[in-house]
Amino acid sequence: MRKHLALGVLLLGLAACGQSAKTPEPSDAQSTVGPGPTETAAPSPAVVYPAGFSLTSPSAGATTASPLTVTGVAPNDWYFEAVFDAVLLDAQGNLLTQAPAQAQTDWTKPGPVPFKAVLTYAVDTAQAGTVVLTEDQTGKGEDGDDAPVREVRIPVTLTASN
C-alpha cells in the first residue's frame, strides 16, 4: 500500500513539473545485495539467478578492484569435485582470468553449498566487465547431457590496475 501511495505521489509530482515517469513493471523487480569491501554501490542491473542460487558479492553493477572475490551459494548439483567455473570477461567479452568457484562446505550433501572464487585481473583503463559463473557438467550422466548449462552473468565495472 505504501509503495503504491509513494509511487502515486512521485507521479503527481513529476506531472506537475512537466516530466513523465515510467511505472515499474513487476518484471523490473530485482534483488539487491550490499557492496563488499572491494566494491562501491551502483545502480544494480537485473540479474536472473537460477533456482537455489544466490550471490553475496559482488553486487550487479558494482565497481570492483583486483583481486575480485566472488561469493554466494549454489545448488550442490552445480559442483563436480567441489568446484564449478568462474571467469571474468572484459568489456569486449575477452577472457581476462578464470578460477574455480570452490565449495566452502561438503558439496556432496543435498541443498545449497556456499562457494568462493578469487579472480585476479589487470586492465589499463576502467571498463565494463562480466563475471560468469557456470555449473560444471563434467560429472553429469547420460540424462543430464541434454540439459542446458546453467550460468549466471554479473555485470561489474573493473577499475584500472596500478
N, C-alpha and C. Protein backbone atom coordinates (compact mmCIF):
# COMPACT_ATOMS: atom_id res chain seq x y z
N MET A 1 0.83 -1.19 0.00
CA MET A 1 0.00 0.00 0.00
C MET A 1 0.87 1.25 0.00
N ARG A 2 1.90 1.28 0.86
CA ARG A 2 2.77 2.45 0.92
C ARG A 2 3.50 2.66 -0.39
N LYS A 3 3.93 1.54 -1.03
CA LYS A 3 4.63 1.66 -2.31
C LYS A 3 3.74 2.32 -3.35
N HIS A 4 2.47 1.89 -3.40
CA HIS A 4 1.55 2.46 -4.37
C HIS A 4 1.30 3.94 -4.08
N LEU A 5 1.15 4.29 -2.79
CA LEU A 5 0.92 5.68 -2.41
C LEU A 5 2.15 6.52 -2.76
N ALA A 6 3.34 6.02 -2.43
CA ALA A 6 4.57 6.76 -2.73
C ALA A 6 4.76 6.91 -4.24
N LEU A 7 4.45 5.88 -5.00
CA LEU A 7 4.56 5.95 -6.45
C LEU A 7 3.58 6.97 -7.01
N GLY A 8 2.37 6.98 -6.46
CA GLY A 8 1.36 7.94 -6.92
C GLY A 8 1.79 9.37 -6.64
N VAL A 9 2.35 9.61 -5.45
CA VAL A 9 2.84 10.95 -5.10
C VAL A 9 3.98 11.34 -6.03
N LEU A 10 4.89 10.42 -6.31
CA LEU A 10 6.00 10.69 -7.23
C LEU A 10 5.48 11.04 -8.61
N LEU A 11 4.54 10.27 -9.12
CA LEU A 11 4.00 10.52 -10.45
C LEU A 11 3.28 11.87 -10.51
N LEU A 12 2.53 12.21 -9.45
CA LEU A 12 1.85 13.50 -9.42
C LEU A 12 2.87 14.64 -9.40
N GLY A 13 3.93 14.46 -8.60
CA GLY A 13 4.97 15.48 -8.54
C GLY A 13 5.67 15.67 -9.87
N LEU A 14 5.97 14.58 -10.55
CA LEU A 14 6.61 14.68 -11.86
C LEU A 14 5.68 15.28 -12.88
N ALA A 15 4.41 14.94 -12.81
CA ALA A 15 3.44 15.51 -13.74
C ALA A 15 3.34 17.02 -13.54
N ALA A 16 3.41 17.46 -12.29
CA ALA A 16 3.34 18.89 -12.00
C ALA A 16 4.56 19.62 -12.55
N CYS A 17 5.69 18.93 -12.62
CA CYS A 17 6.92 19.52 -13.15
C CYS A 17 7.01 19.39 -14.66
N GLY A 18 6.02 18.75 -15.28
CA GLY A 18 6.04 18.59 -16.72
C GLY A 18 6.89 17.43 -17.18
N GLN A 19 7.23 16.49 -16.27
CA GLN A 19 8.03 15.34 -16.62
C GLN A 19 7.15 14.10 -16.56
N SER A 20 7.57 13.06 -17.24
CA SER A 20 6.84 11.81 -17.17
C SER A 20 7.71 10.76 -16.52
N ALA A 21 7.08 9.74 -15.97
CA ALA A 21 7.80 8.65 -15.35
C ALA A 21 7.17 7.34 -15.78
N LYS A 22 7.99 6.34 -15.86
CA LYS A 22 7.52 5.01 -16.22
C LYS A 22 7.13 4.29 -14.95
N THR A 23 5.95 3.71 -14.93
CA THR A 23 5.53 2.91 -13.80
C THR A 23 6.28 1.60 -13.85
N PRO A 24 6.96 1.22 -12.74
CA PRO A 24 7.72 -0.02 -12.77
C PRO A 24 6.82 -1.23 -13.00
N GLU A 25 7.28 -2.11 -13.86
CA GLU A 25 6.58 -3.36 -14.11
C GLU A 25 7.05 -4.37 -13.08
N PRO A 26 6.23 -5.39 -12.78
CA PRO A 26 6.67 -6.42 -11.85
C PRO A 26 7.97 -7.08 -12.30
N SER A 27 8.22 -7.17 -13.61
CA SER A 27 9.45 -7.79 -14.09
C SER A 27 10.67 -6.91 -13.84
N ASP A 28 10.46 -5.62 -13.49
CA ASP A 28 11.57 -4.73 -13.19
C ASP A 28 12.15 -4.98 -11.80
N ALA A 29 11.43 -5.75 -10.99
CA ALA A 29 11.89 -6.01 -9.63
C ALA A 29 13.17 -6.82 -9.67
N GLN A 30 14.05 -6.53 -8.70
CA GLN A 30 15.29 -7.28 -8.62
C GLN A 30 15.73 -7.34 -7.18
N SER A 31 16.54 -8.32 -6.86
CA SER A 31 17.08 -8.42 -5.52
C SER A 31 18.38 -7.64 -5.49
N THR A 32 18.63 -6.95 -4.40
CA THR A 32 19.86 -6.18 -4.30
C THR A 32 20.71 -6.75 -3.18
N VAL A 33 22.00 -6.62 -3.35
CA VAL A 33 22.97 -7.08 -2.37
C VAL A 33 23.87 -5.91 -2.09
N GLY A 34 24.22 -5.70 -0.83
CA GLY A 34 25.07 -4.58 -0.46
C GLY A 34 26.48 -4.73 -0.97
N PRO A 35 27.21 -3.61 -1.05
CA PRO A 35 28.58 -3.67 -1.54
C PRO A 35 29.50 -4.39 -0.57
N GLY A 36 30.50 -5.05 -1.12
CA GLY A 36 31.51 -5.74 -0.31
C GLY A 36 32.70 -4.83 -0.13
N PRO A 37 33.78 -5.33 0.44
CA PRO A 37 34.92 -4.48 0.77
C PRO A 37 35.66 -3.94 -0.45
N THR A 38 35.58 -4.57 -1.62
CA THR A 38 36.32 -4.08 -2.78
C THR A 38 35.40 -3.51 -3.84
N GLU A 39 34.22 -3.04 -3.44
CA GLU A 39 33.30 -2.51 -4.43
C GLU A 39 32.54 -1.33 -3.85
N THR A 40 31.95 -0.52 -4.71
CA THR A 40 31.12 0.58 -4.28
C THR A 40 29.73 0.37 -4.82
N ALA A 41 28.76 0.98 -4.16
CA ALA A 41 27.38 0.81 -4.58
C ALA A 41 27.14 1.52 -5.91
N ALA A 42 26.33 0.92 -6.74
CA ALA A 42 25.96 1.48 -8.03
C ALA A 42 24.57 0.99 -8.36
N PRO A 43 23.87 1.63 -9.29
CA PRO A 43 22.56 1.10 -9.66
C PRO A 43 22.73 -0.34 -10.14
N SER A 44 21.92 -1.23 -9.62
CA SER A 44 22.06 -2.64 -9.93
C SER A 44 21.21 -3.05 -11.12
N PRO A 45 21.86 -3.51 -12.19
CA PRO A 45 21.10 -4.06 -13.30
C PRO A 45 20.46 -5.37 -12.85
N ALA A 46 19.41 -5.77 -13.52
CA ALA A 46 18.73 -7.01 -13.17
C ALA A 46 19.61 -8.21 -13.52
N VAL A 47 19.74 -9.13 -12.59
CA VAL A 47 20.45 -10.38 -12.81
C VAL A 47 19.48 -11.50 -12.46
N VAL A 48 19.35 -12.47 -13.33
CA VAL A 48 18.45 -13.58 -13.09
C VAL A 48 19.27 -14.73 -12.51
N TYR A 49 18.85 -15.20 -11.34
CA TYR A 49 19.54 -16.30 -10.69
C TYR A 49 18.71 -17.57 -10.85
N PRO A 50 19.37 -18.69 -11.21
CA PRO A 50 18.67 -19.97 -11.26
C PRO A 50 18.18 -20.36 -9.86
N ALA A 51 17.23 -21.26 -9.80
CA ALA A 51 16.70 -21.72 -8.52
C ALA A 51 17.82 -22.23 -7.63
N GLY A 52 17.82 -21.82 -6.38
CA GLY A 52 18.80 -22.27 -5.42
C GLY A 52 20.12 -21.53 -5.45
N PHE A 53 20.25 -20.53 -6.31
CA PHE A 53 21.49 -19.78 -6.46
C PHE A 53 21.31 -18.39 -5.88
N SER A 54 22.27 -17.91 -5.13
CA SER A 54 22.26 -16.51 -4.68
C SER A 54 23.70 -16.01 -4.64
N LEU A 55 23.85 -14.72 -4.78
CA LEU A 55 25.17 -14.10 -4.83
C LEU A 55 25.30 -13.15 -3.65
N THR A 56 26.43 -13.24 -2.95
CA THR A 56 26.72 -12.34 -1.84
C THR A 56 27.54 -11.15 -2.33
N SER A 57 28.56 -11.45 -3.16
CA SER A 57 29.46 -10.42 -3.65
C SER A 57 30.07 -10.89 -4.96
N PRO A 58 30.26 -10.03 -5.93
CA PRO A 58 29.93 -8.60 -5.97
C PRO A 58 28.46 -8.41 -6.35
N SER A 59 27.93 -7.26 -6.02
CA SER A 59 26.58 -6.96 -6.46
C SER A 59 26.62 -6.54 -7.92
N ALA A 60 25.52 -6.75 -8.60
CA ALA A 60 25.44 -6.37 -10.02
C ALA A 60 25.65 -4.87 -10.16
N GLY A 61 26.52 -4.49 -11.09
CA GLY A 61 26.80 -3.07 -11.33
C GLY A 61 27.88 -2.50 -10.43
N ALA A 62 28.48 -3.31 -9.55
CA ALA A 62 29.48 -2.83 -8.61
C ALA A 62 30.77 -2.44 -9.32
N THR A 63 31.49 -1.49 -8.73
CA THR A 63 32.82 -1.15 -9.18
C THR A 63 33.78 -2.00 -8.35
N THR A 64 34.63 -2.76 -9.03
CA THR A 64 35.47 -3.74 -8.34
C THR A 64 36.95 -3.43 -8.51
N ALA A 65 37.76 -4.05 -7.68
CA ALA A 65 39.21 -3.95 -7.77
C ALA A 65 39.77 -5.36 -7.73
N SER A 66 40.97 -5.52 -8.28
CA SER A 66 41.62 -6.83 -8.27
C SER A 66 42.39 -7.00 -6.97
N PRO A 67 42.34 -8.16 -6.35
CA PRO A 67 41.61 -9.36 -6.76
C PRO A 67 40.13 -9.22 -6.41
N LEU A 68 39.29 -9.74 -7.29
CA LEU A 68 37.84 -9.71 -7.12
C LEU A 68 37.40 -11.02 -6.49
N THR A 69 36.83 -10.94 -5.30
CA THR A 69 36.33 -12.14 -4.63
C THR A 69 34.84 -12.27 -4.91
N VAL A 70 34.46 -13.43 -5.42
CA VAL A 70 33.08 -13.73 -5.75
C VAL A 70 32.59 -14.77 -4.76
N THR A 71 31.50 -14.46 -4.05
CA THR A 71 30.95 -15.39 -3.06
C THR A 71 29.45 -15.51 -3.22
N GLY A 72 28.94 -16.65 -2.82
CA GLY A 72 27.50 -16.87 -2.87
C GLY A 72 27.17 -18.29 -2.50
N VAL A 73 25.99 -18.73 -2.94
CA VAL A 73 25.50 -20.08 -2.67
C VAL A 73 24.96 -20.63 -3.97
N ALA A 74 25.33 -21.89 -4.27
CA ALA A 74 24.85 -22.57 -5.47
C ALA A 74 24.30 -23.94 -5.09
N PRO A 75 23.35 -24.45 -5.87
CA PRO A 75 22.85 -25.81 -5.60
C PRO A 75 24.00 -26.81 -5.71
N ASN A 76 23.93 -27.89 -4.94
CA ASN A 76 25.04 -28.84 -4.94
C ASN A 76 25.26 -29.49 -6.29
N ASP A 77 24.25 -29.52 -7.18
CA ASP A 77 24.45 -30.14 -8.49
C ASP A 77 25.17 -29.22 -9.48
N TRP A 78 25.56 -28.02 -9.06
CA TRP A 78 26.42 -27.16 -9.89
C TRP A 78 27.87 -27.62 -9.83
N TYR A 79 28.22 -28.34 -8.77
CA TYR A 79 29.62 -28.71 -8.49
C TYR A 79 29.97 -30.07 -9.07
N PHE A 80 31.25 -30.23 -9.41
CA PHE A 80 31.85 -31.53 -9.64
C PHE A 80 33.22 -31.48 -8.99
N GLU A 81 33.47 -32.42 -8.11
CA GLU A 81 34.71 -32.43 -7.33
C GLU A 81 34.89 -31.10 -6.59
N ALA A 82 33.78 -30.57 -6.08
CA ALA A 82 33.75 -29.38 -5.22
C ALA A 82 34.01 -28.06 -5.93
N VAL A 83 33.97 -28.02 -7.26
CA VAL A 83 34.19 -26.76 -7.98
C VAL A 83 33.24 -26.61 -9.16
N PHE A 84 33.07 -25.36 -9.59
CA PHE A 84 32.48 -25.04 -10.89
C PHE A 84 33.24 -23.84 -11.43
N ASP A 85 32.97 -23.47 -12.68
CA ASP A 85 33.78 -22.46 -13.37
C ASP A 85 33.38 -21.02 -13.02
N ALA A 86 34.40 -20.19 -12.83
CA ALA A 86 34.23 -18.75 -12.66
C ALA A 86 35.20 -18.06 -13.61
N VAL A 87 34.70 -17.18 -14.46
CA VAL A 87 35.55 -16.43 -15.38
C VAL A 87 35.21 -14.95 -15.31
N LEU A 88 36.15 -14.13 -15.73
CA LEU A 88 35.95 -12.69 -15.82
C LEU A 88 36.24 -12.26 -17.23
N LEU A 89 35.26 -11.58 -17.84
CA LEU A 89 35.39 -11.08 -19.21
C LEU A 89 35.56 -9.58 -19.19
N ASP A 90 36.33 -9.04 -20.16
CA ASP A 90 36.49 -7.60 -20.27
C ASP A 90 35.31 -6.99 -21.03
N ALA A 91 35.39 -5.72 -21.33
CA ALA A 91 34.30 -5.00 -22.00
C ALA A 91 33.98 -5.56 -23.38
N GLN A 92 34.96 -6.17 -24.04
CA GLN A 92 34.75 -6.74 -25.38
C GLN A 92 34.37 -8.22 -25.32
N GLY A 93 34.26 -8.77 -24.12
CA GLY A 93 33.91 -10.17 -23.97
C GLY A 93 35.09 -11.12 -24.02
N ASN A 94 36.30 -10.57 -23.97
CA ASN A 94 37.52 -11.40 -23.96
C ASN A 94 37.80 -11.90 -22.55
N LEU A 95 38.34 -13.09 -22.45
CA LEU A 95 38.68 -13.68 -21.16
C LEU A 95 39.85 -12.93 -20.53
N LEU A 96 39.62 -12.41 -19.32
CA LEU A 96 40.70 -11.77 -18.55
C LEU A 96 41.35 -12.78 -17.62
N THR A 97 40.53 -13.56 -16.94
CA THR A 97 41.04 -14.54 -15.99
C THR A 97 39.96 -15.56 -15.68
N GLN A 98 40.38 -16.66 -15.10
CA GLN A 98 39.43 -17.66 -14.65
C GLN A 98 39.97 -18.31 -13.39
N ALA A 99 39.07 -18.86 -12.59
CA ALA A 99 39.44 -19.54 -11.36
C ALA A 99 38.30 -20.47 -10.99
N PRO A 100 38.59 -21.49 -10.21
CA PRO A 100 37.49 -22.34 -9.77
C PRO A 100 36.68 -21.65 -8.68
N ALA A 101 35.37 -21.81 -8.76
CA ALA A 101 34.50 -21.43 -7.64
C ALA A 101 34.49 -22.64 -6.73
N GLN A 102 35.12 -22.52 -5.60
CA GLN A 102 35.38 -23.64 -4.69
C GLN A 102 34.29 -23.75 -3.63
N ALA A 103 33.75 -24.95 -3.45
CA ALA A 103 32.77 -25.20 -2.39
C ALA A 103 33.41 -24.91 -1.04
N GLN A 104 32.67 -24.28 -0.15
CA GLN A 104 33.18 -23.95 1.17
C GLN A 104 32.69 -24.94 2.23
N THR A 105 31.78 -25.83 1.84
CA THR A 105 31.30 -26.89 2.72
C THR A 105 31.18 -28.16 1.88
N ASP A 106 30.67 -29.23 2.47
CA ASP A 106 30.55 -30.51 1.77
C ASP A 106 29.55 -30.39 0.62
N TRP A 107 30.05 -30.45 -0.60
CA TRP A 107 29.21 -30.27 -1.79
C TRP A 107 28.41 -31.52 -2.13
N THR A 108 28.71 -32.65 -1.50
CA THR A 108 28.00 -33.89 -1.83
C THR A 108 26.68 -34.02 -1.10
N LYS A 109 26.43 -33.17 -0.12
CA LYS A 109 25.16 -33.21 0.61
C LYS A 109 24.12 -32.40 -0.15
N PRO A 110 22.87 -32.87 -0.15
CA PRO A 110 21.81 -32.14 -0.86
C PRO A 110 21.64 -30.72 -0.31
N GLY A 111 21.23 -29.83 -1.20
CA GLY A 111 20.94 -28.46 -0.79
C GLY A 111 21.97 -27.46 -1.26
N PRO A 112 21.81 -26.23 -0.81
CA PRO A 112 22.71 -25.16 -1.24
C PRO A 112 24.09 -25.30 -0.60
N VAL A 113 25.12 -24.91 -1.37
CA VAL A 113 26.51 -25.00 -0.92
C VAL A 113 27.18 -23.65 -1.15
N PRO A 114 27.75 -23.04 -0.11
CA PRO A 114 28.46 -21.78 -0.31
C PRO A 114 29.71 -21.97 -1.16
N PHE A 115 30.07 -20.94 -1.94
CA PHE A 115 31.26 -21.00 -2.78
C PHE A 115 32.05 -19.71 -2.67
N LYS A 116 33.30 -19.80 -3.13
CA LYS A 116 34.18 -18.62 -3.18
C LYS A 116 35.12 -18.79 -4.36
N ALA A 117 35.28 -17.72 -5.13
CA ALA A 117 36.24 -17.68 -6.24
C ALA A 117 37.00 -16.36 -6.14
N VAL A 118 38.29 -16.40 -6.40
CA VAL A 118 39.11 -15.19 -6.38
C VAL A 118 39.66 -14.99 -7.79
N LEU A 119 39.26 -13.88 -8.41
CA LEU A 119 39.65 -13.57 -9.78
C LEU A 119 40.62 -12.38 -9.76
N THR A 120 41.87 -12.63 -10.13
CA THR A 120 42.88 -11.58 -10.18
C THR A 120 43.02 -11.13 -11.63
N TYR A 121 42.93 -9.82 -11.84
CA TYR A 121 42.95 -9.30 -13.21
C TYR A 121 43.77 -8.02 -13.28
N ALA A 122 44.13 -7.63 -14.50
CA ALA A 122 44.83 -6.37 -14.75
C ALA A 122 44.24 -5.75 -16.01
N VAL A 123 43.80 -4.50 -15.88
CA VAL A 123 43.31 -3.73 -17.04
C VAL A 123 43.94 -2.35 -16.99
N ASP A 124 44.17 -1.76 -18.17
CA ASP A 124 44.81 -0.45 -18.25
C ASP A 124 43.87 0.70 -17.94
N THR A 125 42.59 0.52 -18.28
CA THR A 125 41.61 1.57 -18.05
C THR A 125 40.37 0.97 -17.41
N ALA A 126 39.65 1.80 -16.67
CA ALA A 126 38.38 1.34 -16.09
C ALA A 126 37.45 0.96 -17.23
N GLN A 127 36.73 -0.13 -17.05
CA GLN A 127 35.84 -0.60 -18.11
C GLN A 127 34.79 -1.55 -17.56
N ALA A 128 33.80 -1.80 -18.37
CA ALA A 128 32.78 -2.78 -18.01
C ALA A 128 33.39 -4.17 -18.06
N GLY A 129 32.88 -5.03 -17.23
CA GLY A 129 33.31 -6.43 -17.22
C GLY A 129 32.13 -7.30 -16.84
N THR A 130 32.31 -8.60 -16.98
CA THR A 130 31.25 -9.54 -16.63
C THR A 130 31.87 -10.74 -15.93
N VAL A 131 31.34 -11.05 -14.74
CA VAL A 131 31.69 -12.28 -14.05
C VAL A 131 30.70 -13.33 -14.54
N VAL A 132 31.21 -14.47 -15.00
CA VAL A 132 30.36 -15.55 -15.49
C VAL A 132 30.62 -16.78 -14.64
N LEU A 133 29.56 -17.26 -13.99
CA LEU A 133 29.63 -18.47 -13.18
C LEU A 133 28.83 -19.54 -13.90
N THR A 134 29.45 -20.69 -14.16
CA THR A 134 28.82 -21.74 -14.96
C THR A 134 28.90 -23.06 -14.22
N GLU A 135 27.78 -23.76 -14.16
CA GLU A 135 27.77 -25.06 -13.50
C GLU A 135 28.74 -26.00 -14.20
N ASP A 136 29.28 -26.94 -13.44
CA ASP A 136 30.20 -27.94 -14.01
C ASP A 136 29.38 -29.17 -14.37
N GLN A 137 29.38 -29.52 -15.64
CA GLN A 137 28.62 -30.69 -16.07
C GLN A 137 29.50 -31.90 -16.32
N THR A 138 30.75 -31.85 -15.87
CA THR A 138 31.67 -32.96 -16.08
C THR A 138 31.10 -34.27 -15.57
N GLY A 139 30.49 -34.24 -14.40
CA GLY A 139 30.02 -35.47 -13.78
C GLY A 139 28.60 -35.85 -14.14
N LYS A 140 27.96 -35.14 -15.06
CA LYS A 140 26.58 -35.45 -15.44
C LYS A 140 26.53 -36.77 -16.20
N GLY A 141 25.50 -37.52 -15.93
CA GLY A 141 25.29 -38.78 -16.63
C GLY A 141 24.59 -38.54 -17.95
N GLU A 142 24.17 -39.61 -18.59
CA GLU A 142 23.52 -39.50 -19.90
C GLU A 142 22.27 -38.65 -19.85
N ASP A 143 21.49 -38.75 -18.76
CA ASP A 143 20.27 -37.97 -18.66
C ASP A 143 20.55 -36.47 -18.59
N GLY A 144 21.66 -36.08 -17.95
CA GLY A 144 21.97 -34.66 -17.77
C GLY A 144 22.70 -34.04 -18.94
N ASP A 145 23.17 -34.87 -19.90
CA ASP A 145 23.94 -34.34 -21.02
C ASP A 145 23.13 -33.41 -21.91
N ASP A 146 21.82 -33.65 -22.00
CA ASP A 146 20.98 -32.82 -22.86
C ASP A 146 20.45 -31.58 -22.14
N ALA A 147 20.67 -31.51 -20.84
CA ALA A 147 20.18 -30.37 -20.07
C ALA A 147 20.98 -29.13 -20.43
N PRO A 148 20.31 -27.98 -20.52
CA PRO A 148 21.06 -26.75 -20.80
C PRO A 148 21.99 -26.41 -19.64
N VAL A 149 23.11 -25.82 -19.94
CA VAL A 149 24.07 -25.42 -18.92
C VAL A 149 23.53 -24.18 -18.23
N ARG A 150 23.52 -24.21 -16.91
CA ARG A 150 23.07 -23.04 -16.15
C ARG A 150 24.27 -22.13 -15.89
N GLU A 151 24.02 -20.84 -16.02
CA GLU A 151 25.07 -19.87 -15.74
C GLU A 151 24.46 -18.60 -15.19
N VAL A 152 25.29 -17.83 -14.53
CA VAL A 152 24.92 -16.52 -14.00
C VAL A 152 25.93 -15.52 -14.54
N ARG A 153 25.45 -14.39 -15.06
CA ARG A 153 26.32 -13.32 -15.56
C ARG A 153 26.09 -12.08 -14.71
N ILE A 154 27.16 -11.58 -14.11
CA ILE A 154 27.08 -10.41 -13.24
C ILE A 154 27.87 -9.28 -13.86
N PRO A 155 27.19 -8.21 -14.30
CA PRO A 155 27.92 -7.07 -14.86
C PRO A 155 28.59 -6.27 -13.73
N VAL A 156 29.85 -5.91 -13.95
CA VAL A 156 30.61 -5.12 -12.98
C VAL A 156 31.41 -4.06 -13.72
N THR A 157 31.99 -3.14 -12.99
CA THR A 157 32.94 -2.18 -13.56
C THR A 157 34.30 -2.52 -12.99
N LEU A 158 35.26 -2.73 -13.87
CA LEU A 158 36.61 -3.09 -13.48
C LEU A 158 37.45 -1.82 -13.35
N THR A 159 38.13 -1.65 -12.24
CA THR A 159 39.00 -0.49 -12.08
C THR A 159 40.35 -0.80 -12.69
N ALA A 160 41.02 0.25 -13.16
CA ALA A 160 42.35 0.09 -13.76
C ALA A 160 43.34 -0.36 -12.71
N SER A 161 44.27 -1.20 -13.14
CA SER A 161 45.32 -1.69 -12.24
C SER A 161 46.36 -0.59 -12.07
N ASN A 162 46.98 -0.56 -10.93
CA ASN A 162 48.01 0.45 -10.67
C ASN A 162 49.34 0.05 -11.21
